[in-house]
């Protein structure tokens, strides 16, 4: 559970670092790069411990899959509420198919 929490916090920082600057398109590119790097530092402060702690319980493929599912849970909310984007049905279907892939990663064959 600790791994999931740390990955979630990490992903929030990552989403803001990667996409938050899109609301500030008139700012100089170098400025948003520097700010994004600053935000990404905090992402790594949660990501690295999450993967280290999680590696005792999950395989690297499982850790990456967990991270992607968290991303697909956080990004649509961020996109709609922060960026003002419309969430279309085909985005939901595509995200759901990626989440369904987790079944194959975590299923014991």
C-alpha atoms as a PDB file:
ATOM      1  CA  UNK A   1       0.000   0.000   0.000  1.00  0.00           C
ATOM      2  CA  UNK A   2       2.896   2.331   0.764  1.00  0.00           C
ATOM      3  CA  UNK A   3       4.230   1.785  -2.754  1.00  0.00           C
ATOM      4  CA  UNK A   4       0.868   2.710  -4.302  1.00  0.00           C
ATOM      5  CA  UNK A   5       0.637   5.873  -2.190  1.00  0.00           C
ATOM      6  CA  UNK A   6       4.168   6.974  -3.090  1.00  0.00           C
ATOM      7  CA  UNK A   7       3.568   6.227  -6.771  1.00  0.00           C
ATOM      8  CA  UNK A   8       0.348   8.246  -6.683  1.00  0.00           C
ATOM      9  CA  UNK A   9       2.066  11.270  -5.127  1.00  0.00           C
ATOM     10  CA  UNK A  10       4.912  10.901  -7.603  1.00  0.00           C
ATOM     11  CA  UNK A  11       2.484  10.782 -10.489  1.00  0.00           C
ATOM     12  CA  UNK A  12       0.705  13.949  -9.399  1.00  0.00           C
ATOM     13  CA  UNK A  13       4.036  15.802  -9.460  1.00  0.00           C
ATOM     14  CA  UNK A  14       4.925  14.190 -12.789  1.00  0.00           C
ATOM     15  CA  UNK A  15       1.636  15.185 -14.390  1.00  0.00           C
ATOM     16  CA  UNK A  16       2.029  18.788 -13.245  1.00  0.00           C
ATOM     17  CA  UNK A  17       5.667  18.883 -14.416  1.00  0.00           C
ATOM     18  CA  UNK A  18       4.918  17.416 -17.836  1.00  0.00           C
ATOM     19  CA  UNK A  19       1.605  19.093 -18.631  1.00  0.00           C
ATOM     20  CA  UNK A  20       1.005  21.960 -16.198  1.00  0.00           C
ATOM     21  CA  UNK A  21       2.914  24.421 -18.351  1.00  0.00           C
ATOM     22  CA  UNK A  22       0.352  24.050 -21.146  1.00  0.00           C
ATOM     23  CA  UNK A  23      -1.759  26.681 -19.369  1.00  0.00           C
ATOM     24  CA  UNK A  24       1.141  29.119 -19.731  1.00  0.00           C
ATOM     25  CA  UNK A  25       1.894  28.936 -23.429  1.00  0.00           C
ATOM     26  CA  UNK A  26       2.934  32.586 -23.584  1.00  0.00           C
ATOM     27  CA  UNK A  27       5.817  32.010 -21.143  1.00  0.00           C
ATOM     28  CA  UNK A  28       9.288  31.487 -22.543  1.00  0.00           C
ATOM     29  CA  UNK A  29      10.100  27.841 -23.149  1.00  0.00           C
ATOM     30  CA  UNK A  30      13.261  27.987 -21.050  1.00  0.00           C
ATOM     31  CA  UNK A  31      11.220  29.211 -18.071  1.00  0.00           C
ATOM     32  CA  UNK A  32       8.716  26.378 -18.207  1.00  0.00           C
ATOM     33  CA  UNK A  33      11.553  23.870 -18.644  1.00  0.00           C
ATOM     34  CA  UNK A  34      13.255  25.130 -15.478  1.00  0.00           C
ATOM     35  CA  UNK A  35       9.995  25.111 -13.511  1.00  0.00           C
ATOM     36  CA  UNK A  36       9.129  21.641 -14.828  1.00  0.00           C
ATOM     37  CA  UNK A  37      12.539  20.330 -13.784  1.00  0.00           C
ATOM     38  CA  UNK A  38      12.002  21.781 -10.330  1.00  0.00           C
ATOM     39  CA  UNK A  39       8.654  20.034 -10.023  1.00  0.00           C
ATOM     40  CA  UNK A  40      10.096  16.806 -11.442  1.00  0.00           C
ATOM     41  CA  UNK A  41      12.670  16.783  -8.634  1.00  0.00           C
ATOM     42  CA  UNK A  42       9.845  16.160  -6.175  1.00  0.00           C
ATOM     43  CA  UNK A  43       8.425  13.487  -8.460  1.00  0.00           C
ATOM     44  CA  UNK A  44      11.719  11.605  -8.203  1.00  0.00           C
ATOM     45  CA  UNK A  45      11.772  12.060  -4.417  1.00  0.00           C
ATOM     46  CA  UNK A  46       8.636   9.867  -4.322  1.00  0.00           C
ATOM     47  CA  UNK A  47       9.194   7.680  -7.389  1.00  0.00           C
ATOM     48  CA  UNK A  48      12.587   6.291  -6.438  1.00  0.00           C
ATOM     49  CA  UNK A  49      11.573   5.208  -2.911  1.00  0.00           C
ATOM     50  CA  UNK A  50       8.302   3.805  -4.275  1.00  0.00           C
ATOM     51  CA  UNK A  51      10.159   1.601  -6.727  1.00  0.00           C
ATOM     52  CA  UNK A  52      12.780   0.608  -4.176  1.00  0.00           C
ATOM     53  CA  UNK A  53      10.167  -0.345  -1.573  1.00  0.00           C
ATOM     54  CA  UNK A  54       7.896  -1.917  -4.174  1.00  0.00           C
ATOM     55  CA  UNK A  55      10.671  -4.044  -5.637  1.00  0.00           C
ATOM     56  CA  UNK A  56      10.428  -6.332  -2.602  1.00  0.00           C
ATOM     57  CA  UNK A  57       6.823  -7.136  -3.473  1.00  0.00           C
ATOM     58  CA  UNK A  58       6.450  -6.531  -7.217  1.00  0.00           C
ATOM     59  CA  UNK A  59       8.442  -7.253 -10.356  1.00  0.00           C
ATOM     60  CA  UNK A  60       9.692  -4.280 -12.399  1.00  0.00           C
ATOM     61  CA  UNK A  61       6.982  -4.976 -15.008  1.00  0.00           C
ATOM     62  CA  UNK A  62       4.335  -4.929 -12.292  1.00  0.00           C
ATOM     63  CA  UNK A  63       5.689  -1.673 -10.841  1.00  0.00           C
ATOM     64  CA  UNK A  64       5.558  -0.042 -14.272  1.00  0.00           C
ATOM     65  CA  UNK A  65       2.044  -1.334 -14.836  1.00  0.00           C
ATOM     66  CA  UNK A  66       0.906   0.073 -11.481  1.00  0.00           C
ATOM     67  CA  UNK A  67       2.453   3.422 -12.418  1.00  0.00           C
ATOM     68  CA  UNK A  68       0.661   3.477 -15.769  1.00  0.00           C
ATOM     69  CA  UNK A  69      -2.693   2.663 -14.194  1.00  0.00           C
ATOM     70  CA  UNK A  70      -2.177   5.455 -11.683  1.00  0.00           C
ATOM     71  CA  UNK A  71      -1.299   7.780 -14.568  1.00  0.00           C
ATOM     72  CA  UNK A  72      -4.471   6.797 -16.396  1.00  0.00           C
ATOM     73  CA  UNK A  73      -6.455   7.591 -13.257  1.00  0.00           C
ATOM     74  CA  UNK A  74      -4.854  10.957 -12.523  1.00  0.00           C
ATOM     75  CA  UNK A  75      -4.317  12.396 -15.994  1.00  0.00           C
ATOM     76  CA  UNK A  76      -7.966  12.565 -17.122  1.00  0.00           C
ATOM     77  CA  UNK A  77      -8.933  14.427 -13.934  1.00  0.00           C
ATOM     78  CA  UNK A  78      -6.000  16.817 -14.354  1.00  0.00           C
ATOM     79  CA  UNK A  79      -6.737  17.301 -18.041  1.00  0.00           C
ATOM     80  CA  UNK A  80     -10.397  18.139 -17.499  1.00  0.00           C
ATOM     81  CA  UNK A  81     -10.162  20.246 -14.337  1.00  0.00           C
ATOM     82  CA  UNK A  82      -6.797  21.976 -14.767  1.00  0.00           C
ATOM     83  CA  UNK A  83      -6.361  22.188 -18.526  1.00  0.00           C
ATOM     84  CA  UNK A  84     -10.059  22.486 -19.380  1.00  0.00           C
ATOM     85  CA  UNK A  85      -9.885  19.660 -21.896  1.00  0.00           C
ATOM     86  CA  UNK A  86     -12.946  17.628 -22.832  1.00  0.00           C
ATOM     87  CA  UNK A  87     -12.760  13.938 -22.044  1.00  0.00           C
ATOM     88  CA  UNK A  88     -14.036  11.990 -25.036  1.00  0.00           C
ATOM     89  CA  UNK A  89     -15.493   8.482 -24.975  1.00  0.00           C
ATOM     90  CA  UNK A  90     -12.700   7.068 -27.130  1.00  0.00           C
ATOM     91  CA  UNK A  91     -10.120   8.268 -24.572  1.00  0.00           C
ATOM     92  CA  UNK A  92     -11.977   6.283 -21.919  1.00  0.00           C
ATOM     93  CA  UNK A  93     -12.090   3.157 -24.079  1.00  0.00           C
ATOM     94  CA  UNK A  94      -8.387   3.435 -24.881  1.00  0.00           C
ATOM     95  CA  UNK A  95      -7.471   3.942 -21.228  1.00  0.00           C
ATOM     96  CA  UNK A  96      -9.686   1.016 -20.207  1.00  0.00           C
ATOM     97  CA  UNK A  97      -7.920  -1.270 -22.687  1.00  0.00           C
ATOM     98  CA  UNK A  98      -4.561  -0.303 -21.227  1.00  0.00           C
ATOM     99  CA  UNK A  99      -5.864  -0.988 -17.724  1.00  0.00           C
ATOM    100  CA  UNK A 100      -7.190  -4.346 -18.952  1.00  0.00           C
ATOM    101  CA  UNK A 101      -3.625  -5.171 -19.976  1.00  0.00           C
ATOM    102  CA  UNK A 102      -2.777  -5.149 -16.268  1.00  0.00           C
ATOM    103  CA  UNK A 103      -4.736  -8.381 -15.970  1.00  0.00           C
ATOM    104  CA  UNK A 104      -2.138 -10.115 -18.102  1.00  0.00           C
ATOM    105  CA  UNK A 105       0.745  -8.603 -16.139  1.00  0.00           C
ATOM    106  CA  UNK A 106      -0.599  -9.582 -12.702  1.00  0.00           C
ATOM    107  CA  UNK A 107      -2.398 -12.838 -13.504  1.00  0.00           C
ATOM    108  CA  UNK A 108      -0.559 -15.910 -12.251  1.00  0.00           C
ATOM    109  CA  UNK A 109      -0.224 -18.184 -15.293  1.00  0.00           C
END
